[in-house]
Amino acid sequence: MRSTPIGIALLNDEREHVWKLNKEVNEGIVSQWAQVLASRLTNRDGSAPEIVTGSETITSVRSAQKVGEELHRAGCRQIVMVYNVWNFPFLVWPFVQSFGLDKPILSLSNNNGQYPGNVGLLATDGALRQTGVRTHRIVGDIDDEKTLSRVISWLRASQAVTTIRNEVYGCYGGHSMGMETGYFHMVPTIKALGTTVCQIDQLWLVEKMKQIPDADVEAGFAWISEMLGDRIKYDGKMLTPETLKTQLRLYCAMKAVNAEKGFDYCGLKGQRELTEYVCLGDVAEMMLNDPYDWNGPKEPTVCATEADAYAAVTMQLLKYVTGGLPALFMDVRLYHPDKDLWDWCNSGNHSSWYAAQSDDPRVNFSKITLHPALEFYFKAGGASVEFDAAPGNMTFCRLGVWDDKPYMVISRGESLDLPAEERRALNAQTDPTWPHVHARLACRFEEFLATFPCNHILGVAGDVVDALVYVCEITGIVPVVLGEDGKKRIPPIWERV
């Protein structure tokens, strides 16, 4: 998985008799942080961002310039500024100006009485903030798990921000069915996140499908047939071996065009051109988001159904803050007030990984059924993917725009473990042939309804609320955190003045 190098530097005292005395201790602190972060930032595919430490502690203008240039040449895209002792605050300027002032900055200090690291942090970080530089501050010891968790959340967030910054979203066909919340809002998105869009017609995919070798499609068909067996509900009309192969061919075509065009993530319009004249996109969208296919393990490629651009951007951020998990795309479909739960379902886009949250596709596909596409909506046919998401803690969120200003609604929640009969009864009230998440949010229905930007919501396994808030604060996106988490959040100074 893509990542960006992380720089670590320590500002020290200018007085030679002082820094010579604490030099060994400070270099040990920097080395210790580098080792701990390297071990905790491993992604799901085994990759990890490079950690680059300054060759010396910063004690003078020249050493500040030297270390800043070192980290700049190493390609570092974010900096952890470690404070373990008092330092001379003005040295931060030749350092960050050499390194690059447009990078996310974390000021990190110990909390002990022997050395005034906190004093150095507040004096130096305060100098940065006086000029409008958005920084974050964390104080605590390296062996404190709460402190370490906050540092990891910040680094996951900065990785998401600095990695997506030069990426391209491939939009196949434009927003679907007139859903204007599906637009790629060019100016606010580039200003906040840097990522841009390339829009091409779905005809490009149709023509690419003609070039896919039949052997590739047959291999995929054999793989999915072997895993699902009679849980592929052929009806001889909407779902046949040929319509399923067409969906697999579309998946191969999307992979090929993504690679040719350099698309880092994508969205598929589907309705109405493909769904009425080619096939339903559900299988292709699922498999792009999956961490595997018939060729073995792979990195999930974010694909948003109905070419919902802000859904895709949100999913890409979720992928990075989790170290490579697939993200879920859902319709905000039906709320059950008597149970205080949501039934979120959509005909496409649920990664099969969420059926059991296993890296073994056989385990996940054992809970999946393919049904004939609904002819009422999807005349070209193909399969709809059906399963209930596995239970567990989740984080739900969505980017939106208010008056051309981006914001993100964030809520902690869970996918519920309901009895089979109850799940079937709930699913029957919407569409039992689609994938479902029976979700409970850590906020009231009224708060969600009053703040949520659109009809599509995104989710990921685990708790990444803190990381998403850091993403927003680093980029200037307004975080709208729901429930008790929102009440506990301490807004940074740039949201208060």
Protein backbone atom coordinates (compact mmCIF):
# COMPACT_ATOMS: atom_id res chain seq x y z
CA MET A 1 0.00 0.00 0.00
CA ARG A 2 1.20 3.50 -0.79
CA SER A 3 2.63 5.55 2.06
CA THR A 4 4.82 8.60 2.61
CA PRO A 5 8.01 8.88 4.70
CA ILE A 6 7.79 10.23 8.25
CA GLY A 7 10.48 12.54 9.60
CA ILE A 8 11.51 12.77 13.26
CA ALA A 9 13.63 15.60 14.64
CA LEU A 10 14.53 16.90 18.10
CA LEU A 11 15.16 20.55 18.92
CA ASN A 12 17.77 21.10 21.60
CA ASP A 13 19.47 23.81 23.60
CA GLU A 14 21.79 26.23 21.79
CA ARG A 15 24.31 26.30 24.66
CA GLU A 16 27.12 23.87 23.92
CA HIS A 17 27.75 22.92 27.54
CA VAL A 18 24.04 22.00 27.85
CA TRP A 19 23.45 20.06 24.62
CA LYS A 20 26.67 18.09 24.97
CA LEU A 21 25.45 16.93 28.38
CA ASN A 22 22.00 15.76 27.15
CA LYS A 23 22.97 14.71 23.61
CA GLU A 24 23.13 10.98 24.28
CA VAL A 25 19.83 10.92 26.18
CA ASN A 26 18.02 12.88 23.46
CA GLU A 27 19.36 10.78 20.60
CA GLY A 28 18.20 7.72 22.51
CA ILE A 29 14.68 9.17 22.82
CA VAL A 30 14.51 9.86 19.08
CA SER A 31 15.76 6.36 18.27
CA GLN A 32 13.26 4.80 20.66
CA TRP A 33 10.34 6.67 19.11
CA ALA A 34 11.48 5.67 15.62
CA GLN A 35 11.64 1.98 16.57
CA VAL A 36 8.25 1.96 18.30
CA LEU A 37 6.50 3.80 15.47
CA ALA A 38 8.02 1.53 12.82
CA SER A 39 6.66 -1.52 14.64
CA ARG A 40 3.18 -0.06 15.15
CA LEU A 41 2.59 1.40 11.68
CA THR A 42 2.71 -1.84 9.69
CA ASN A 43 -0.11 -2.00 7.14
CA ARG A 44 -2.29 -5.01 6.49
CA ASP A 45 -0.24 -5.98 3.45
CA GLY A 46 3.00 -5.94 5.45
CA SER A 47 4.22 -2.61 4.09
CA ALA A 48 5.01 0.33 6.35
CA PRO A 49 5.94 3.98 5.92
CA GLU A 50 9.63 4.80 6.07
CA ILE A 51 10.80 6.46 9.30
CA VAL A 52 13.64 8.97 8.82
CA THR A 53 15.40 10.55 11.81
CA GLY A 54 17.54 13.66 11.76
CA SER A 55 21.27 12.96 11.86
CA GLU A 56 21.70 15.18 14.93
CA THR A 57 19.70 17.16 17.44
CA ILE A 58 19.08 20.74 16.37
CA THR A 59 21.28 23.14 18.34
CA SER A 60 22.01 25.95 15.88
CA VAL A 61 20.82 27.68 12.75
CA ARG A 62 23.12 25.57 10.59
CA SER A 63 22.10 22.27 12.20
CA ALA A 64 18.43 23.28 11.83
CA GLN A 65 18.94 23.92 8.12
CA LYS A 66 20.95 20.72 7.72
CA VAL A 67 18.37 18.45 9.36
CA GLY A 68 15.50 20.16 7.54
CA GLU A 69 17.24 19.61 4.20
CA GLU A 70 17.98 15.96 5.09
CA LEU A 71 14.32 15.21 5.78
CA HIS A 72 13.25 17.16 2.70
CA ARG A 73 15.62 15.17 0.45
CA ALA A 74 14.40 11.93 2.05
CA GLY A 75 10.91 12.79 0.81
CA CYS A 76 9.32 13.11 4.26
CA ARG A 77 5.75 14.37 4.04
CA GLN A 78 5.06 14.84 7.76
CA ILE A 79 7.22 15.62 10.76
CA VAL A 80 7.20 14.53 14.39
CA MET A 81 9.03 17.18 16.39
CA VAL A 82 10.21 15.59 19.64
CA TYR A 83 10.71 17.74 22.74
CA ASN A 84 12.61 16.18 25.61
CA VAL A 85 14.45 19.25 26.96
CA TRP A 86 14.30 23.02 26.73
CA ASN A 87 15.22 24.30 23.28
CA PHE A 88 15.69 27.67 21.62
CA PRO A 89 12.33 28.20 19.85
CA PHE A 90 13.54 30.42 16.99
CA LEU A 91 15.47 27.42 15.60
CA VAL A 92 12.18 25.94 14.44
CA TRP A 93 12.04 28.40 11.54
CA PRO A 94 15.25 27.48 9.69
CA PHE A 95 14.26 23.86 10.29
CA VAL A 96 10.68 23.88 9.00
CA GLN A 97 11.42 26.31 6.17
CA SER A 98 14.14 23.93 4.95
CA PHE A 99 11.87 20.92 5.43
CA GLY A 100 8.68 22.51 4.07
CA LEU A 101 6.05 24.44 5.96
CA ASP A 102 3.16 22.80 4.10
CA LYS A 103 3.65 19.45 5.89
CA PRO A 104 1.58 18.17 8.85
CA ILE A 105 3.43 18.80 12.12
CA LEU A 106 3.09 16.89 15.40
CA SER A 107 4.76 18.34 18.49
CA LEU A 108 5.49 15.48 20.91
CA SER A 109 6.88 15.85 24.43
CA ASN A 110 7.59 13.74 27.47
CA ASN A 111 5.94 14.63 30.77
CA ASN A 112 8.60 14.49 33.46
CA GLY A 113 10.02 17.03 35.84
CA GLN A 114 13.71 16.43 35.20
CA TYR A 115 13.69 18.09 31.77
CA PRO A 116 11.38 20.95 30.63
CA GLY A 117 10.22 19.31 27.42
CA ASN A 118 6.72 20.74 27.85
CA VAL A 119 8.16 24.24 28.14
CA GLY A 120 10.10 23.80 24.92
CA LEU A 121 7.06 22.38 23.13
CA LEU A 122 4.70 25.20 24.09
CA ALA A 123 7.23 27.93 23.33
CA THR A 124 8.19 26.50 19.93
CA ASP A 125 4.81 25.18 18.82
CA GLY A 126 3.32 28.48 19.95
CA ALA A 127 5.67 30.29 17.58
CA LEU A 128 4.39 28.16 14.69
CA ARG A 129 0.76 28.74 15.58
CA GLN A 130 1.26 32.50 15.81
CA THR A 131 1.72 32.47 12.05
CA GLY A 132 -1.35 30.34 11.38
CA VAL A 133 0.39 26.96 11.09
CA ARG A 134 -1.99 24.17 12.15
CA THR A 135 -0.09 21.84 14.47
CA HIS A 136 -1.04 19.11 16.93
CA ARG A 137 0.36 18.53 20.39
CA ILE A 138 0.67 15.29 22.34
CA VAL A 139 2.32 15.05 25.76
CA GLY A 140 3.10 11.74 27.44
CA ASP A 141 5.65 9.01 27.87
CA ILE A 142 6.58 6.53 25.18
CA ASP A 143 5.61 3.52 27.33
CA ASP A 144 2.12 4.92 27.99
CA GLU A 145 -0.34 3.11 25.71
CA LYS A 146 -2.83 5.99 25.64
CA THR A 147 -0.11 8.38 24.48
CA LEU A 148 1.17 5.92 21.90
CA SER A 149 -2.36 5.31 20.58
CA ARG A 150 -2.86 9.04 20.05
CA VAL A 151 0.46 9.32 18.21
CA ILE A 152 -0.43 6.37 15.96
CA SER A 153 -3.86 7.89 15.23
CA TRP A 154 -2.21 11.17 14.24
CA LEU A 155 0.32 9.42 12.01
CA ARG A 156 -2.38 7.32 10.33
CA ALA A 157 -4.27 10.55 9.70
CA SER A 158 -1.24 12.36 8.33
CA GLN A 159 -0.47 9.36 6.13
CA ALA A 160 -4.01 9.53 4.72
CA VAL A 161 -3.67 13.25 4.05
CA THR A 162 -0.20 13.19 2.51
CA THR A 163 -0.84 10.04 0.46
CA ILE A 164 -4.18 11.06 -1.07
CA ARG A 165 -2.78 14.53 -1.83
CA ASN A 166 -1.43 13.61 -5.28
CA GLU A 167 -3.87 10.81 -6.13
CA VAL A 168 -6.41 10.74 -8.94
CA TYR A 169 -10.02 9.59 -8.64
CA GLY A 170 -11.22 7.82 -11.78
CA CYS A 171 -14.86 8.69 -12.36
CA TYR A 172 -16.51 6.31 -14.83
CA GLY A 173 -19.53 8.03 -16.30
CA GLY A 174 -20.24 10.87 -13.86
CA HIS A 175 -22.72 11.10 -11.01
CA SER A 176 -25.68 8.76 -11.32
CA MET A 177 -29.37 9.55 -11.75
CA GLY A 178 -28.92 13.23 -11.00
CA MET A 179 -27.55 12.74 -7.47
CA GLU A 180 -25.84 16.09 -7.06
CA THR A 181 -24.24 15.08 -3.76
CA GLY A 182 -22.22 12.66 -5.91
CA TYR A 183 -20.28 15.45 -7.68
CA PHE A 184 -16.53 15.81 -7.29
CA HIS A 185 -16.44 19.32 -5.83
CA MET A 186 -13.22 20.40 -7.50
CA VAL A 187 -12.11 23.58 -5.74
CA PRO A 188 -12.82 22.73 -2.07
CA THR A 189 -11.52 19.20 -2.55
CA ILE A 190 -8.21 20.21 -4.10
CA LYS A 191 -7.74 23.00 -1.55
CA ALA A 192 -8.34 20.69 1.40
CA LEU A 193 -6.99 17.34 0.20
CA GLY A 194 -5.13 17.91 -3.08
CA THR A 195 -6.68 14.92 -4.83
CA THR A 196 -8.28 15.48 -8.23
CA VAL A 197 -10.57 13.68 -10.67
CA CYS A 198 -10.39 12.33 -14.22
CA GLN A 199 -13.80 11.61 -15.70
CA ILE A 200 -14.15 9.25 -18.66
CA ASP A 201 -17.20 7.75 -20.28
CA GLN A 202 -18.40 4.27 -19.39
CA LEU A 203 -18.05 3.46 -23.09
CA TRP A 204 -14.32 3.18 -22.41
CA LEU A 205 -15.05 0.25 -20.09
CA VAL A 206 -17.40 -1.38 -22.57
CA GLU A 207 -14.71 -1.29 -25.24
CA LYS A 208 -12.05 -2.51 -22.81
CA MET A 209 -14.29 -5.46 -21.90
CA LYS A 210 -13.98 -6.66 -25.51
CA GLN A 211 -10.19 -6.88 -25.06
CA ILE A 212 -10.22 -8.98 -21.87
CA PRO A 213 -9.01 -12.54 -22.61
CA ASP A 214 -11.74 -15.15 -22.22
CA ALA A 215 -9.33 -17.24 -20.14
CA ASP A 216 -9.23 -14.55 -17.45
CA VAL A 217 -13.00 -14.45 -17.24
CA GLU A 218 -13.30 -18.24 -17.17
CA ALA A 219 -10.75 -18.41 -14.33
CA GLY A 220 -12.80 -15.94 -12.31
CA PHE A 221 -16.03 -17.78 -13.09
CA ALA A 222 -14.54 -21.12 -11.99
CA TRP A 223 -13.26 -19.54 -8.76
CA ILE A 224 -16.53 -17.92 -7.74
CA SER A 225 -18.58 -20.95 -8.83
CA GLU A 226 -16.44 -23.30 -6.76
CA MET A 227 -16.85 -21.15 -3.64
CA LEU A 228 -20.57 -20.45 -3.95
CA GLY A 229 -21.96 -23.56 -5.66
CA ASP A 230 -25.75 -23.62 -5.50
CA ARG A 231 -25.75 -20.26 -3.71
CA ILE A 232 -25.57 -18.71 -7.17
CA LYS A 233 -29.31 -18.51 -7.79
CA TYR A 234 -29.48 -18.78 -11.57
CA ASP A 235 -32.95 -18.00 -12.93
CA GLY A 236 -32.27 -18.47 -16.64
CA LYS A 237 -33.01 -14.82 -17.41
CA MET A 238 -31.47 -12.11 -15.22
CA LEU A 239 -28.77 -14.29 -13.69
CA THR A 240 -27.18 -16.80 -16.02
CA PRO A 241 -23.59 -18.00 -16.37
CA GLU A 242 -23.19 -15.51 -19.21
CA THR A 243 -24.50 -12.47 -17.30
CA LEU A 244 -22.25 -13.36 -14.35
CA LYS A 245 -19.27 -13.68 -16.71
CA THR A 246 -20.13 -10.24 -18.09
CA GLN A 247 -19.88 -8.83 -14.57
CA LEU A 248 -16.51 -10.52 -14.09
CA ARG A 249 -15.38 -9.13 -17.44
CA LEU A 250 -16.37 -5.65 -16.25
CA TYR A 251 -14.24 -6.17 -13.14
CA CYS A 252 -11.24 -7.12 -15.27
CA ALA A 253 -11.81 -4.11 -17.51
CA MET A 254 -11.98 -1.72 -14.57
CA LYS A 255 -8.74 -3.11 -13.15
CA ALA A 256 -7.07 -2.70 -16.51
CA VAL A 257 -8.25 0.87 -17.12
CA ASN A 258 -7.41 1.91 -13.55
CA ALA A 259 -3.86 0.71 -14.16
CA GLU A 260 -3.57 2.28 -17.62
CA LYS A 261 -4.93 5.65 -16.50
CA GLY A 262 -3.18 5.72 -13.14
CA PHE A 263 -6.41 5.90 -11.16
CA ASP A 264 -5.75 5.34 -7.44
CA TYR A 265 -9.44 4.90 -6.64
CA CYS A 266 -12.60 5.04 -8.69
CA GLY A 267 -16.36 5.22 -8.99
CA LEU A 268 -18.77 3.53 -11.39
CA LYS A 269 -21.91 5.33 -12.52
CA GLY A 270 -23.72 2.13 -13.53
CA GLN A 271 -27.26 3.44 -13.74
CA ARG A 272 -28.59 3.76 -16.26
CA GLU A 273 -26.31 3.01 -19.22
CA LEU A 274 -24.53 -0.09 -17.89
CA THR A 275 -27.46 -1.45 -15.89
CA GLU A 276 -29.79 -1.30 -18.90
CA TYR A 277 -27.41 -2.27 -21.72
CA VAL A 278 -24.40 -4.13 -20.27
CA CYS A 279 -24.74 -5.51 -16.73
CA LEU A 280 -25.22 -4.60 -13.08
CA GLY A 281 -21.97 -3.39 -11.50
CA ASP A 282 -22.37 -5.07 -8.09
CA VAL A 283 -19.92 -7.97 -8.55
CA ALA A 284 -17.24 -5.76 -10.09
CA GLU A 285 -17.60 -3.15 -7.35
CA MET A 286 -17.47 -5.77 -4.60
CA MET A 287 -14.36 -7.41 -6.01
CA LEU A 288 -12.50 -4.14 -6.52
CA ASN A 289 -13.06 -3.31 -2.84
CA ASP A 290 -12.10 -6.84 -1.74
CA PRO A 291 -8.57 -7.66 -0.47
CA TYR A 292 -8.44 -10.73 -2.77
CA ASP A 293 -9.67 -12.19 -6.04
CA TRP A 294 -9.04 -15.43 -7.98
CA ASN A 295 -5.39 -14.44 -8.40
CA GLY A 296 -4.83 -14.29 -4.64
CA PRO A 297 -4.43 -11.51 -2.05
CA LYS A 298 -4.43 -7.94 -3.36
CA GLU A 299 -4.75 -4.40 -2.13
CA PRO A 300 -8.37 -3.20 -2.03
CA THR A 301 -9.12 -0.64 -4.73
CA VAL A 302 -11.77 1.78 -3.53
CA CYS A 303 -14.73 1.82 -5.90
CA ALA A 304 -17.86 3.83 -5.14
CA THR A 305 -21.12 2.79 -6.70
CA GLU A 306 -23.14 5.36 -8.61
CA ALA A 307 -19.83 7.22 -9.05
CA ASP A 308 -20.39 9.04 -5.77
CA ALA A 309 -17.17 11.04 -5.64
CA TYR A 310 -17.28 12.15 -2.00
CA ALA A 311 -18.11 8.60 -1.01
CA ALA A 312 -15.00 7.46 -2.86
CA VAL A 313 -12.80 10.13 -1.25
CA THR A 314 -14.14 9.17 2.18
CA MET A 315 -13.50 5.48 1.49
CA GLN A 316 -9.94 6.22 0.38
CA LEU A 317 -9.28 8.12 3.62
CA LEU A 318 -10.77 5.22 5.61
CA LYS A 319 -8.52 2.77 3.78
CA TYR A 320 -5.43 4.76 4.75
CA VAL A 321 -6.31 5.47 8.39
CA THR A 322 -6.92 1.73 8.95
CA GLY A 323 -3.72 0.60 7.26
CA GLY A 324 -5.51 -0.97 4.30
CA LEU A 325 -8.95 -2.22 5.33
CA PRO A 326 -11.73 -2.18 2.72
CA ALA A 327 -14.50 0.32 3.40
CA LEU A 328 -18.25 -0.24 3.19
CA PHE A 329 -20.59 1.86 1.03
CA MET A 330 -24.25 1.84 2.06
CA ASP A 331 -27.56 3.54 1.44
CA VAL A 332 -29.06 5.17 4.53
CA ARG A 333 -32.14 3.05 3.98
CA LEU A 334 -34.41 2.40 6.98
CA TYR A 335 -34.45 3.30 10.69
CA HIS A 336 -36.29 1.07 13.17
CA PRO A 337 -37.16 3.31 16.15
CA ASP A 338 -38.46 0.40 18.24
CA LYS A 339 -35.03 -1.23 18.05
CA ASP A 340 -32.90 1.92 17.67
CA LEU A 341 -31.12 0.42 14.69
CA TRP A 342 -30.52 1.24 11.08
CA ASP A 343 -30.81 -1.19 8.19
CA TRP A 344 -28.26 0.06 5.67
CA CYS A 345 -28.26 -1.68 2.31
CA ASN A 346 -27.39 -0.97 -1.30
CA SER A 347 -27.45 -3.20 -4.36
CA GLY A 348 -23.68 -2.81 -4.82
CA ASN A 349 -20.36 -2.03 -3.21
CA HIS A 350 -20.29 -4.10 -0.01
CA SER A 351 -16.86 -5.74 0.10
CA SER A 352 -17.29 -9.46 0.73
CA TRP A 353 -14.64 -9.11 3.48
CA TYR A 354 -17.40 -7.80 5.76
CA ALA A 355 -19.39 -11.03 5.59
CA ALA A 356 -17.03 -12.57 8.17
CA GLN A 357 -14.13 -10.07 8.32
CA SER A 358 -11.73 -12.82 7.28
CA ASP A 359 -8.73 -12.56 4.98
CA ASP A 360 -9.69 -16.01 3.66
CA PRO A 361 -12.23 -15.48 0.86
CA ARG A 362 -13.68 -18.95 1.45
CA VAL A 363 -14.74 -17.97 4.96
CA ASN A 364 -16.46 -14.82 3.74
CA PHE A 365 -18.06 -16.40 0.66
CA SER A 366 -19.54 -19.17 2.81
CA LYS A 367 -21.99 -16.52 4.01
CA ILE A 368 -22.74 -14.99 0.60
CA THR A 369 -25.46 -15.67 -1.97
CA LEU A 370 -25.75 -14.28 -5.48
CA HIS A 371 -29.33 -13.44 -6.51
CA PRO A 372 -30.75 -12.39 -9.88
CA ALA A 373 -30.66 -8.63 -10.37
CA LEU A 374 -34.01 -6.90 -10.01
CA GLU A 375 -35.35 -6.49 -13.54
CA PHE A 376 -37.40 -3.50 -12.40
CA TYR A 377 -34.18 -1.50 -11.89
CA PHE A 378 -31.42 -3.40 -13.71
CA LYS A 379 -32.65 -4.60 -17.10
CA ALA A 380 -29.29 -5.88 -18.38
CA GLY A 381 -29.14 -8.47 -15.60
CA GLY A 382 -26.36 -10.00 -13.57
CA ALA A 383 -26.05 -10.87 -9.90
CA SER A 384 -26.83 -8.95 -6.75
CA VAL A 385 -24.62 -9.86 -3.81
CA GLU A 386 -26.41 -10.75 -0.56
CA PHE A 387 -25.05 -11.15 2.97
CA ASP A 388 -25.39 -9.63 6.42
CA ALA A 389 -22.31 -7.82 7.70
CA ALA A 390 -20.50 -9.55 10.53
CA PRO A 391 -20.95 -8.04 13.99
CA GLY A 392 -18.36 -5.77 15.53
CA ASN A 393 -17.38 -2.21 16.36
CA MET A 394 -17.37 0.15 13.40
CA THR A 395 -16.81 3.78 12.53
CA PHE A 396 -19.24 5.50 10.15
CA CYS A 397 -18.61 8.77 8.35
CA ARG A 398 -19.14 10.86 5.23
CA LEU A 399 -17.65 13.95 3.62
CA GLY A 400 -20.11 16.66 2.68
CA VAL A 401 -20.16 20.26 1.53
CA TRP A 402 -21.87 23.23 3.15
CA ASP A 403 -21.81 26.39 1.03
CA ASP A 404 -18.68 25.14 -0.79
CA LYS A 405 -16.91 24.28 2.49
CA PRO A 406 -16.13 20.59 3.16
CA TYR A 407 -17.06 18.90 6.42
CA MET A 408 -17.15 15.32 7.67
CA VAL A 409 -19.85 13.71 9.79
CA ILE A 410 -18.31 11.04 12.05
CA SER A 411 -19.98 8.57 14.41
CA ARG A 412 -18.86 5.61 16.41
CA GLY A 413 -21.14 2.60 16.05
CA GLU A 414 -21.46 -1.15 15.64
CA SER A 415 -22.72 -3.80 13.28
CA LEU A 416 -25.17 -5.84 15.34
CA ASP A 417 -25.26 -9.59 15.92
CA LEU A 418 -28.96 -10.32 15.50
CA PRO A 419 -30.72 -13.70 15.46
CA ALA A 420 -31.14 -15.11 11.97
CA GLU A 421 -34.93 -14.88 12.01
CA GLU A 422 -34.84 -11.24 13.09
CA ARG A 423 -32.32 -10.41 10.37
CA ARG A 424 -34.48 -12.06 7.72
CA ALA A 425 -37.56 -10.17 8.91
CA LEU A 426 -35.71 -6.84 8.84
CA ASN A 427 -34.19 -7.48 5.41
CA ALA A 428 -37.58 -8.38 3.97
CA GLN A 429 -38.77 -4.84 4.70
CA THR A 430 -36.29 -3.44 2.16
CA ASP A 431 -34.63 -5.89 -0.25
CA PRO A 432 -33.56 -9.35 0.93
CA THR A 433 -31.35 -9.91 -2.14
CA TRP A 434 -28.95 -7.08 -1.25
CA PRO A 435 -26.19 -6.86 1.38
CA HIS A 436 -27.21 -5.40 4.76
CA VAL A 437 -25.58 -3.81 7.77
CA HIS A 438 -27.74 -3.74 10.88
CA ALA A 439 -26.15 -0.75 12.54
CA ARG A 440 -26.49 1.05 15.82
CA LEU A 441 -24.92 4.47 16.14
CA ALA A 442 -23.53 6.16 19.23
CA CYS A 443 -25.82 9.11 18.63
CA ARG A 444 -29.52 9.92 18.50
CA PHE A 445 -31.54 9.48 15.32
CA GLU A 446 -32.45 13.19 15.41
CA GLU A 447 -28.80 14.29 15.57
CA PHE A 448 -27.86 12.06 12.65
CA LEU A 449 -30.80 13.24 10.56
CA ALA A 450 -30.05 16.90 11.28
CA THR A 451 -26.39 16.74 10.24
CA PHE A 452 -25.86 14.00 7.66
CA PRO A 453 -25.05 15.34 4.16
CA CYS A 454 -26.63 12.80 1.78
CA ASN A 455 -28.07 9.33 1.17
CA HIS A 456 -24.80 7.35 1.14
CA ILE A 457 -22.80 6.49 4.26
CA LEU A 458 -19.39 4.84 4.54
CA GLY A 459 -18.04 2.59 7.28
CA VAL A 460 -15.03 0.61 8.37
CA ALA A 461 -14.34 -2.01 11.03
CA GLY A 462 -12.84 -0.72 14.26
CA ASP A 463 -12.61 2.63 16.01
CA VAL A 464 -10.89 5.31 13.91
CA VAL A 465 -12.81 8.34 15.21
CA ASP A 466 -9.66 10.02 16.56
CA ALA A 467 -7.76 9.48 13.31
CA LEU A 468 -10.62 10.92 11.23
CA VAL A 469 -10.80 13.98 13.49
CA TYR A 470 -7.06 14.48 13.00
CA VAL A 471 -7.55 14.19 9.21
CA CYS A 472 -10.11 16.97 9.38
CA GLU A 473 -8.04 19.20 11.65
CA ILE A 474 -4.90 18.79 9.53
CA THR A 475 -6.75 19.71 6.34
CA GLY A 476 -9.14 22.35 7.64
CA ILE A 477 -12.19 20.18 7.00
CA VAL A 478 -14.80 20.74 9.72
CA PRO A 479 -15.35 17.54 11.77
CA VAL A 480 -18.94 17.04 12.91
CA VAL A 481 -18.58 14.33 15.55
CA LEU A 482 -21.87 12.90 16.74
CA GLY A 483 -22.93 11.67 20.17
CA GLU A 484 -20.85 11.84 23.33
CA ASP A 485 -17.64 11.85 21.30
CA GLY A 486 -18.67 15.21 19.88
CA LYS A 487 -19.31 16.64 23.32
CA LYS A 488 -15.89 15.48 24.55
CA ARG A 489 -13.95 16.79 21.57
CA ILE A 490 -11.73 19.80 22.27
CA PRO A 491 -11.78 22.07 19.21
CA PRO A 492 -8.32 23.31 18.19
CA ILE A 493 -7.46 26.97 18.43
CA TRP A 494 -8.00 27.62 14.71
CA GLU A 495 -11.67 26.69 15.13
CA ARG A 496 -12.05 29.13 18.04
CA VAL A 497 -10.51 32.39 16.88
